[in-house]
Protein backbone atom coordinates (compact mmCIF):
# COMPACT_ATOMS: atom_id res chain seq x y z
CA MET A 1 11.21 -78.25 105.94
CA LEU A 2 8.77 -79.53 108.58
CA ARG A 3 8.09 -76.84 111.00
CA ILE A 4 6.21 -78.33 114.20
CA GLY A 5 5.06 -76.02 116.88
CA ARG A 6 3.39 -76.85 120.17
CA GLU A 7 1.35 -73.93 121.62
CA CYS A 8 2.55 -71.22 119.42
CA CYS A 9 3.76 -70.55 115.78
CA PRO A 10 7.21 -71.27 115.17
CA TYR A 11 7.49 -68.50 112.97
CA CYS A 12 6.09 -65.52 114.76
CA ARG A 13 5.79 -67.15 118.35
CA ARG A 14 2.39 -65.91 118.76
CA SER A 15 -0.03 -68.18 120.07
CA ASN A 16 -3.24 -67.45 118.06
CA ILE A 17 -3.22 -70.57 115.95
CA GLN A 18 -6.19 -72.85 114.29
CA VAL A 19 -6.51 -76.07 113.09
CA SER A 20 -6.23 -75.94 109.21
CA ASP A 21 -7.97 -78.28 106.58
CA PRO A 22 -5.31 -80.74 104.93
CA GLU A 23 -4.34 -79.61 101.59
CA SER A 24 -2.26 -82.42 100.53
CA LEU A 25 -1.71 -86.21 100.69
CA TRP A 26 1.24 -85.62 103.17
CA GLU A 27 -0.94 -83.64 105.45
CA GLU A 28 -3.63 -86.04 105.37
CA LEU A 29 -1.01 -88.90 106.25
CA ALA A 30 0.66 -86.77 108.89
CA VAL A 31 -2.10 -87.85 111.34
CA LEU A 32 -0.04 -91.30 111.46
CA LEU A 33 2.93 -89.11 112.75
CA LEU A 34 0.37 -87.72 115.38
CA LEU A 35 0.44 -84.53 113.69
CA ARG A 36 -2.19 -82.07 112.40
CA PRO A 37 -1.75 -79.18 110.08
CA VAL A 38 -2.51 -75.74 111.71
CA ARG A 39 -2.25 -72.20 110.53
CA CYS A 40 -1.00 -69.08 112.50
CA CYS A 41 -4.10 -66.49 112.59
CA ASP A 42 -1.33 -63.47 112.84
CA CYS A 43 1.37 -64.35 110.05
CA GLY A 44 -0.49 -66.93 108.15
CA HIS A 45 2.00 -69.63 108.05
CA ARG A 46 1.11 -73.22 108.02
CA PHE A 47 2.83 -75.61 110.18
CA TYR A 48 2.24 -78.75 112.31
CA CYS A 49 1.12 -79.36 115.89
CA PRO A 50 0.94 -82.64 117.92
CA LEU A 51 -2.47 -84.07 118.39
CA SER A 52 -2.08 -84.02 121.96
CA VAL A 53 -2.20 -80.18 122.01
CA PRO A 54 -5.64 -78.79 122.21
CA ILE A 55 -6.31 -76.15 119.01
CA PRO A 56 -9.34 -74.28 118.25
CA ILE A 57 -10.99 -75.36 115.03
CA ALA A 58 -11.08 -72.54 112.50
CA SER A 59 -14.54 -71.20 111.91
CA ALA A 60 -15.90 -70.22 108.14
CA GLY A 61 -15.50 -66.64 109.13
CA THR A 62 -11.83 -66.81 110.38
CA ALA A 63 -10.83 -68.63 107.29
CA GLU A 64 -12.24 -66.00 105.03
CA SER A 65 -10.67 -63.16 106.76
CA MET A 66 -7.43 -65.25 106.65
CA LYS A 67 -7.69 -65.34 102.85
CA ALA A 68 -8.66 -61.76 102.60
CA THR A 69 -5.47 -60.88 104.89
CA GLN A 70 -3.01 -63.05 102.83
CA GLN A 71 -4.17 -61.34 99.53
CA ALA A 72 -3.65 -58.13 100.77
CA ASP A 73 -0.17 -58.80 102.24
CA SER A 74 0.62 -60.28 98.40
CA ALA A 75 -0.62 -57.26 97.03
CA GLU A 76 1.43 -55.10 99.13
CA GLU A 77 4.59 -57.08 98.41
CA ASP A 78 3.91 -56.97 94.72
CA GLU A 79 3.78 -53.04 94.72
CA PRO A 80 6.74 -51.27 93.63
CA ARG A 81 8.44 -48.93 95.94
């Protein structure tokens, strides 16, 4: 399902979001619909945001820390309880 947020994440409702690099052809073509892929820095979900909304561009350090956080979260989910 296509999730579109304006100034906050539609999953966690926080406003700590950054522009994300396109990962598929659909995301490349989304610009024709005036949408761009973004990622929530708090929960890690990806969604789309209108091009008219100003969003900070992710820096290399932020992207690396996001990947580390996601890997740690997935490792915690894999652990038996």
